N, C-alpha and C. Protein backbone atom coordinates (compact mmCIF):
# COMPACT_ATOMS: atom_id res chain seq x y z
N MET A 1 1.10 -1.42 0.07
CA MET A 1 0.20 -0.36 -0.02
C MET A 1 1.03 1.15 0.18
N ASN A 2 0.85 2.24 -1.03
CA ASN A 2 1.47 3.36 -1.20
C ASN A 2 0.64 4.81 0.39
N ILE A 3 1.68 5.78 0.30
CA ILE A 3 1.04 6.47 1.06
C ILE A 3 -0.15 7.42 0.53
N LEU A 4 -0.10 7.24 -0.32
CA LEU A 4 -1.49 8.14 -1.10
C LEU A 4 -2.62 7.28 -0.80
N GLU A 5 -2.43 6.17 -0.67
CA GLU A 5 -3.75 5.24 -0.46
C GLU A 5 -4.01 5.10 1.04
N MET A 6 -3.03 5.26 1.82
CA MET A 6 -3.58 5.15 3.19
C MET A 6 -4.32 6.79 3.30
N CYS A 7 -4.05 7.86 2.89
CA CYS A 7 -4.75 9.00 3.41
C CYS A 7 -6.35 8.95 3.32
N ASP A 8 -7.05 9.76 3.87
CA ASP A 8 -8.05 10.02 4.06
C ASP A 8 -8.55 10.30 2.44
N SER A 9 -10.07 9.85 2.30
CA SER A 9 -10.30 10.46 0.56
C SER A 9 -10.00 11.45 0.16
N GLU A 10 -10.62 12.21 0.61
CA GLU A 10 -10.20 14.04 0.63
C GLU A 10 -9.47 14.73 1.74
N ALA A 11 -8.51 15.31 1.12
CA ALA A 11 -7.89 16.09 2.13
C ALA A 11 -8.33 17.30 2.42
N ALA A 12 -7.97 17.68 3.72
CA ALA A 12 -8.96 18.62 4.17
C ALA A 12 -8.12 20.57 4.11
N VAL A 13 -8.49 20.90 3.45
CA VAL A 13 -7.70 22.28 2.33
C VAL A 13 -8.32 23.51 2.82
N VAL A 14 -8.14 24.59 2.83
CA VAL A 14 -8.72 26.00 2.89
C VAL A 14 -8.01 26.71 1.77
N PRO A 15 -7.96 27.77 1.15
CA PRO A 15 -7.27 28.49 0.27
C PRO A 15 -6.61 29.77 0.76
N LEU A 16 -5.82 30.24 0.74
CA LEU A 16 -4.67 30.91 0.82
C LEU A 16 -5.25 32.61 1.43
N GLY A 17 -6.39 32.96 1.10
CA GLY A 17 -7.19 33.95 1.66
C GLY A 17 -7.97 33.61 2.39
N ALA A 18 -8.52 32.64 3.24
CA ALA A 18 -9.04 32.16 4.18
C ALA A 18 -8.38 32.44 5.64
N THR A 19 -9.56 32.63 6.42
CA THR A 19 -9.29 33.69 7.72
C THR A 19 -9.33 31.71 8.45
N VAL A 20 -8.29 32.03 9.82
CA VAL A 20 -8.03 31.15 10.64
C VAL A 20 -9.57 30.72 11.24
N GLU A 21 -10.50 31.35 11.10
CA GLU A 21 -11.70 30.62 11.79
C GLU A 21 -12.12 29.70 11.06
N LEU A 22 -12.19 30.07 9.28
CA LEU A 22 -12.65 28.49 8.55
C LEU A 22 -11.75 27.63 8.86
N ALA A 23 -10.61 28.08 8.89
CA ALA A 23 -9.39 26.84 9.19
C ALA A 23 -9.97 26.23 10.39
N ILE A 24 -10.14 26.66 11.19
CA ILE A 24 -10.74 25.79 12.39
C ILE A 24 -11.94 25.35 12.53
N ARG A 25 -12.53 25.62 11.54
CA ARG A 25 -13.62 25.12 11.29
C ARG A 25 -13.80 23.79 10.25
N THR A 26 -13.06 24.38 9.36
CA THR A 26 -13.05 22.80 8.68
C THR A 26 -12.21 21.74 9.49
N MET A 27 -11.12 22.15 10.21
CA MET A 27 -10.55 20.94 10.89
C MET A 27 -11.64 20.20 11.82
N LEU A 28 -12.53 21.19 12.49
CA LEU A 28 -13.38 20.54 13.27
C LEU A 28 -14.46 20.01 12.31
N ASP A 29 -15.36 20.24 11.38
CA ASP A 29 -16.11 19.61 10.68
C ASP A 29 -15.67 18.29 9.76
N ARG A 30 -14.13 18.05 9.51
CA ARG A 30 -13.52 17.10 8.92
C ARG A 30 -12.85 16.07 10.19
N HIS A 31 -13.25 16.65 11.47
CA HIS A 31 -12.36 15.49 12.25
C HIS A 31 -10.98 15.36 11.58
N VAL A 32 -10.12 16.55 11.85
CA VAL A 32 -8.78 16.23 11.36
C VAL A 32 -7.96 17.30 12.43
N GLY A 33 -6.50 17.32 12.55
CA GLY A 33 -5.73 17.83 13.07
C GLY A 33 -4.80 19.13 12.66
N ALA A 34 -5.13 19.03 11.02
CA ALA A 34 -4.50 20.02 10.09
C ALA A 34 -5.30 19.83 8.69
N VAL A 35 -4.79 21.35 8.33
CA VAL A 35 -5.54 21.63 7.22
C VAL A 35 -4.45 22.44 6.21
N ALA A 36 -4.47 21.95 4.81
CA ALA A 36 -3.30 22.05 4.05
C ALA A 36 -4.17 23.65 3.65
N VAL A 37 -3.34 24.99 3.52
CA VAL A 37 -3.44 25.98 2.97
C VAL A 37 -2.48 25.71 1.44
N ILE A 38 -3.66 25.90 0.54
CA ILE A 38 -3.57 25.98 -0.57
C ILE A 38 -3.47 27.20 -1.69
N ASP A 39 -2.81 27.14 -2.43
CA ASP A 39 -3.08 28.26 -3.51
C ASP A 39 -3.81 28.25 -4.71
N GLU A 40 -3.72 28.95 -5.86
CA GLU A 40 -5.25 28.86 -6.74
C GLU A 40 -4.78 27.94 -7.64
N ASN A 41 -3.50 27.52 -7.47
CA ASN A 41 -3.13 26.00 -8.52
C ASN A 41 -3.21 24.99 -7.80
N GLN A 42 -3.58 24.89 -6.70
CA GLN A 42 -3.94 23.83 -5.76
C GLN A 42 -2.28 23.01 -5.32
N ARG A 43 -1.42 24.47 -5.26
CA ARG A 43 -0.07 23.89 -4.22
C ARG A 43 -0.05 24.34 -3.37
N VAL A 44 0.56 23.56 -2.12
CA VAL A 44 0.67 23.81 -0.99
C VAL A 44 1.37 25.10 -0.56
N ALA A 45 0.69 25.90 0.34
CA ALA A 45 1.39 27.20 0.56
C ALA A 45 1.97 27.09 1.92
N GLY A 46 0.93 26.21 2.93
CA GLY A 46 1.60 26.33 4.04
C GLY A 46 0.88 24.92 4.64
N ILE A 47 0.99 24.60 5.91
CA ILE A 47 0.04 24.18 6.28
C ILE A 47 -0.31 24.77 7.61
N PHE A 48 -1.97 24.31 8.23
CA PHE A 48 -2.67 25.01 9.64
C PHE A 48 -2.74 23.79 10.62
N THR A 49 -2.12 23.70 11.71
CA THR A 49 -2.85 22.60 12.52
C THR A 49 -3.15 23.16 13.73
N GLU A 50 -3.50 21.90 14.61
CA GLU A 50 -4.02 22.47 16.14
C GLU A 50 -2.52 22.87 16.78
N ARG A 51 -1.23 22.73 16.62
CA ARG A 51 0.21 22.84 17.29
C ARG A 51 -0.32 24.17 16.94
N ASP A 52 -0.42 24.88 15.78
CA ASP A 52 -0.77 26.35 15.20
C ASP A 52 -1.65 27.00 16.22
N VAL A 53 -2.67 26.62 16.74
CA VAL A 53 -3.48 27.51 17.30
C VAL A 53 -3.18 27.47 18.46
N LEU A 54 -2.71 26.61 19.29
CA LEU A 54 -2.01 26.58 20.61
C LEU A 54 -0.48 27.46 20.63
N ARG A 55 -0.09 27.33 19.97
CA ARG A 55 1.45 27.73 19.99
C ARG A 55 1.13 29.39 19.44
N LYS A 56 0.47 29.46 18.49
CA LYS A 56 0.62 31.25 17.78
C LYS A 56 -1.24 31.92 18.10
N LEU A 57 -2.10 31.04 18.63
CA LEU A 57 -3.13 31.90 18.81
C LEU A 57 -3.92 31.86 20.13
N SER A 58 -3.70 30.79 20.66
CA SER A 58 -4.46 30.09 21.73
C SER A 58 -4.26 31.84 22.97
N LEU A 59 -3.26 32.16 23.24
CA LEU A 59 -2.53 32.97 24.41
C LEU A 59 -2.72 34.71 24.11
N GLY A 60 -3.12 34.77 22.75
CA GLY A 60 -2.98 35.75 22.02
C GLY A 60 -4.53 36.46 22.10
N GLU A 61 -4.25 38.09 21.71
CA GLU A 61 -5.56 38.81 22.04
C GLU A 61 -6.11 38.80 20.08
N LYS A 62 -5.74 37.71 18.97
CA LYS A 62 -6.20 38.10 17.81
C LYS A 62 -7.20 37.40 17.62
N ASP A 63 -8.26 38.19 16.78
CA ASP A 63 -9.57 37.30 16.52
C ASP A 63 -9.42 36.39 15.29
N PRO A 64 -9.49 35.07 15.58
CA PRO A 64 -9.62 34.15 14.69
C PRO A 64 -10.16 34.57 13.11
N ARG A 65 -11.51 35.34 13.81
CA ARG A 65 -12.33 35.83 12.22
C ARG A 65 -11.93 36.81 11.73
N LYS A 66 -10.73 37.38 12.20
CA LYS A 66 -10.43 38.64 11.24
C LYS A 66 -8.80 38.57 11.08
N ILE A 67 -8.02 37.32 11.16
CA ILE A 67 -6.81 37.01 10.98
C ILE A 67 -6.91 36.07 9.39
N SER A 68 -5.61 36.80 8.83
CA SER A 68 -5.64 35.30 7.49
C SER A 68 -5.13 34.06 8.04
N VAL A 69 -5.47 33.04 7.35
CA VAL A 69 -4.74 31.90 8.11
C VAL A 69 -3.23 31.90 7.45
N THR A 70 -2.46 32.89 6.80
CA THR A 70 -1.38 32.87 6.20
C THR A 70 -0.52 33.65 7.59
N GLU A 71 -1.09 34.43 8.42
CA GLU A 71 -0.57 35.29 9.31
C GLU A 71 0.17 33.54 10.77
N ILE A 72 -0.50 32.77 10.71
CA ILE A 72 -0.61 31.40 11.49
C ILE A 72 0.04 30.45 10.96
N MET A 73 -0.39 30.20 9.89
CA MET A 73 0.17 28.70 9.47
C MET A 73 1.60 28.37 9.32
N THR A 74 2.20 27.24 9.42
CA THR A 74 3.54 26.64 9.53
C THR A 74 3.97 27.00 8.00
N THR A 75 5.03 27.50 7.37
CA THR A 75 5.94 27.30 6.41
C THR A 75 7.30 27.71 6.70
N PRO A 76 8.20 26.69 6.15
CA PRO A 76 7.70 26.07 4.97
C PRO A 76 7.47 24.67 5.37
N VAL A 77 6.75 23.96 4.32
CA VAL A 77 6.04 22.74 4.75
C VAL A 77 6.83 21.77 4.50
N GLU A 78 7.36 20.86 4.93
CA GLU A 78 8.15 19.65 4.48
C GLU A 78 6.74 18.58 4.06
N MET A 79 7.07 18.17 2.90
CA MET A 79 6.24 17.35 2.08
C MET A 79 6.44 15.93 1.35
N ALA A 80 5.87 14.96 1.23
CA ALA A 80 6.39 13.42 0.80
C ALA A 80 5.65 13.66 -0.49
N THR A 81 6.00 12.90 -1.42
CA THR A 81 5.46 12.50 -2.91
C THR A 81 4.68 10.91 -2.84
N ARG A 82 4.62 10.66 -3.98
CA ARG A 82 4.43 9.28 -4.00
C ARG A 82 5.14 8.07 -4.04
N ALA A 83 6.50 8.63 -4.21
CA ALA A 83 7.79 7.67 -3.81
C ALA A 83 8.09 7.54 -2.58
N THR A 84 7.50 8.32 -2.01
CA THR A 84 8.02 8.20 -0.09
C THR A 84 7.22 6.88 0.11
N THR A 85 7.52 6.13 0.67
CA THR A 85 7.47 4.87 1.29
C THR A 85 7.11 5.12 2.74
N ALA A 86 6.47 4.32 2.92
CA ALA A 86 5.49 4.73 4.42
C ALA A 86 6.03 4.70 5.61
N GLY A 87 7.55 3.90 5.50
CA GLY A 87 8.47 3.67 6.68
C GLY A 87 9.12 5.31 6.59
N GLU A 88 9.22 5.57 5.06
CA GLU A 88 10.50 6.92 5.21
C GLU A 88 9.32 8.18 5.90
N ALA A 89 7.69 8.06 5.48
CA ALA A 89 7.12 9.02 6.13
C ALA A 89 6.93 9.02 7.40
N LEU A 90 6.93 7.97 7.84
CA LEU A 90 6.60 7.89 9.30
C LEU A 90 8.07 7.80 10.07
N ALA A 91 8.82 7.84 9.68
CA ALA A 91 10.39 8.43 10.13
C ALA A 91 10.59 9.56 10.54
N THR A 92 10.20 10.40 9.48
CA THR A 92 10.18 11.79 9.47
C THR A 92 9.09 12.52 9.76
N MET A 93 7.94 11.62 10.19
CA MET A 93 7.01 12.71 11.32
C MET A 93 7.62 12.22 12.76
N VAL A 94 7.81 10.70 12.91
CA VAL A 94 8.87 10.63 14.31
C VAL A 94 9.44 11.59 14.66
N GLU A 95 10.63 11.34 13.64
CA GLU A 95 11.67 12.41 14.26
C GLU A 95 11.48 14.19 13.96
N ARG A 96 10.60 14.48 13.47
CA ARG A 96 10.39 16.03 13.28
C ARG A 96 9.32 16.13 14.16
N HIS A 97 8.30 15.57 14.66
CA HIS A 97 7.11 15.71 15.50
C HIS A 97 6.14 16.34 15.03
N TYR A 98 5.77 15.62 13.83
CA TYR A 98 5.20 16.33 12.69
C TYR A 98 3.66 14.89 12.89
N ARG A 99 2.65 15.44 12.57
CA ARG A 99 1.55 14.25 12.85
C ARG A 99 0.48 14.31 11.46
N HIS A 100 1.25 15.63 10.97
CA HIS A 100 0.46 15.36 9.34
C HIS A 100 1.64 16.03 8.40
N LEU A 101 1.26 14.85 7.12
CA LEU A 101 2.61 15.30 6.16
C LEU A 101 1.47 15.29 4.95
N PRO A 102 1.65 16.44 3.76
CA PRO A 102 1.18 16.33 3.02
C PRO A 102 1.80 16.01 1.62
N ILE A 103 1.12 15.43 0.65
CA ILE A 103 1.37 14.61 -0.40
C ILE A 103 1.14 15.36 -1.43
N VAL A 104 2.42 15.39 -2.10
CA VAL A 104 2.11 16.54 -3.38
C VAL A 104 3.00 15.77 -4.28
N ASP A 105 2.57 16.16 -5.98
CA ASP A 105 2.62 15.98 -7.23
C ASP A 105 4.29 16.27 -7.00
N ASP A 106 5.06 16.78 -8.65
CA ASP A 106 6.02 16.72 -8.85
C ASP A 106 6.10 18.73 -8.98
N ASP A 107 5.00 19.35 -9.06
CA ASP A 107 4.43 20.57 -8.96
C ASP A 107 4.38 21.04 -7.56
N GLY A 108 4.27 20.50 -6.95
CA GLY A 108 3.82 20.59 -5.34
C GLY A 108 2.21 21.06 -5.46
N ARG A 109 1.62 20.28 -6.24
CA ARG A 109 0.13 20.42 -6.13
C ARG A 109 -0.23 19.27 -5.06
N LEU A 110 -1.15 19.73 -4.29
CA LEU A 110 -1.80 18.58 -2.81
C LEU A 110 -2.46 17.77 -3.64
N LEU A 111 -1.81 16.16 -3.17
CA LEU A 111 -2.74 14.95 -3.72
C LEU A 111 -3.61 14.17 -2.51
N GLY A 112 -2.86 14.40 -1.13
CA GLY A 112 -3.12 14.13 -0.19
C GLY A 112 -3.04 14.36 1.53
N MET A 113 -3.17 14.26 2.34
CA MET A 113 -2.64 14.73 3.65
C MET A 113 -2.72 13.33 4.26
N LEU A 114 -1.20 13.28 4.58
CA LEU A 114 -1.17 11.76 5.58
C LEU A 114 -1.06 12.14 6.99
N SER A 115 -1.85 11.20 7.75
CA SER A 115 -1.56 11.78 9.09
C SER A 115 -0.77 10.38 9.94
N ILE A 116 -0.32 10.57 11.04
CA ILE A 116 0.36 9.69 11.45
C ILE A 116 -0.72 8.52 12.07
N ARG A 117 -2.13 8.87 12.30
CA ARG A 117 -3.42 7.90 12.80
C ARG A 117 -3.25 6.83 11.41
N ASN A 118 -3.42 7.65 10.13
CA ASN A 118 -3.51 6.95 8.84
C ASN A 118 -2.26 6.02 8.71
N VAL A 119 -0.77 6.08 9.01
CA VAL A 119 0.08 4.86 8.98
C VAL A 119 -0.22 4.23 9.84
N LEU A 120 -0.43 4.69 11.29
CA LEU A 120 -0.56 3.33 12.20
C LEU A 120 -1.86 2.61 11.92
N GLU A 121 -2.99 3.06 11.57
CA GLU A 121 -4.39 1.85 10.98
C GLU A 121 -3.89 1.41 10.55
N ALA A 122 -2.81 1.73 8.54
CA ALA A 122 -2.67 0.99 8.18
C ALA A 122 -1.57 -0.26 8.48
N LYS A 123 -1.06 -0.23 9.50
CA LYS A 123 0.23 -1.32 9.96
C LYS A 123 -0.62 -1.91 10.78
N VAL A 124 -1.83 -1.53 11.93
CA VAL A 124 -2.44 -2.68 12.38
C VAL A 124 -3.27 -3.58 11.24
N ASP A 125 -3.80 -2.84 10.30
CA ASP A 125 -4.67 -3.56 9.46
C ASP A 125 -3.56 -4.78 8.71
N THR A 126 -2.14 -4.36 8.46
CA THR A 126 -1.35 -5.39 7.90
C THR A 126 -1.12 -6.61 8.81
N LEU A 127 -0.61 -5.98 10.05
CA LEU A 127 -0.19 -7.34 11.29
C LEU A 127 -1.38 -8.23 11.64
N THR A 128 -2.65 -7.29 11.41
CA THR A 128 -3.96 -8.07 11.61
C THR A 128 -4.06 -9.37 10.82
N ARG A 129 -3.68 -8.74 9.37
CA ARG A 129 -3.63 -9.64 8.26
C ARG A 129 -2.71 -11.01 8.49
N GLN A 130 -1.82 -10.53 8.70
CA GLN A 130 -0.67 -11.59 8.99
C GLN A 130 -0.87 -12.58 10.38
N LEU A 131 -1.40 -12.39 10.97
CA LEU A 131 -1.64 -12.73 12.29
C LEU A 131 -2.78 -13.85 11.84
N ASP A 132 -3.77 -13.22 11.30
CA ASP A 132 -4.69 -14.63 10.59
C ASP A 132 -4.30 -15.22 9.99
N GLN A 133 -3.60 -15.19 9.02
CA GLN A 133 -2.67 -16.00 7.98
C GLN A 133 -1.95 -16.88 8.78
N ALA A 134 -1.38 -16.43 9.91
CA ALA A 134 -0.31 -17.65 10.85
C ALA A 134 -1.39 -18.43 11.47
N ARG A 135 -2.19 -17.99 11.97
CA ARG A 135 -3.14 -18.91 12.73
C ARG A 135 -3.75 -19.65 11.62
N SER A 136 -4.22 -19.11 10.53
CA SER A 136 -4.86 -20.32 9.38
C SER A 136 -3.69 -21.85 9.05
N VAL A 137 -2.64 -21.07 9.12
CA VAL A 137 -1.76 -22.20 8.73
C VAL A 137 -1.30 -22.98 9.93
N VAL A 138 -1.12 -22.40 10.73
CA VAL A 138 -0.99 -23.48 12.38
C VAL A 138 -2.28 -24.01 13.02
N LEU A 139 -3.62 -23.72 12.36
CA LEU A 139 -4.34 -24.33 12.84
C LEU A 139 -4.83 -25.36 11.34
């Protein structure tokens, strides 16, 4: 299974001109911890995460309805491609303390958003299948 197959069927995104409020609402509506911030060509310009809310917004006096997501988002963004293996993606995420990793094409256009939850669910599925196969051979 490649990393794009592990991703949710549709990545949560907001446009560059979005407010922080829209980004937070999108995260809440989609039950995700991050949204990709994309330009008019679907290229990833930044990532807005729960960590951004905590570190850059929660203790300040900024109004999320009036602030552009570009003021708060994380940039530059580390990204993966279709060629990135699940092991490489997981190693990057663990090493750098990321919970989300955008998957992009050669032009930087968003293809999907990989979460550490996606990787762990895929690994559990694989291990469960292997265990079931081993049990069937033993029995």
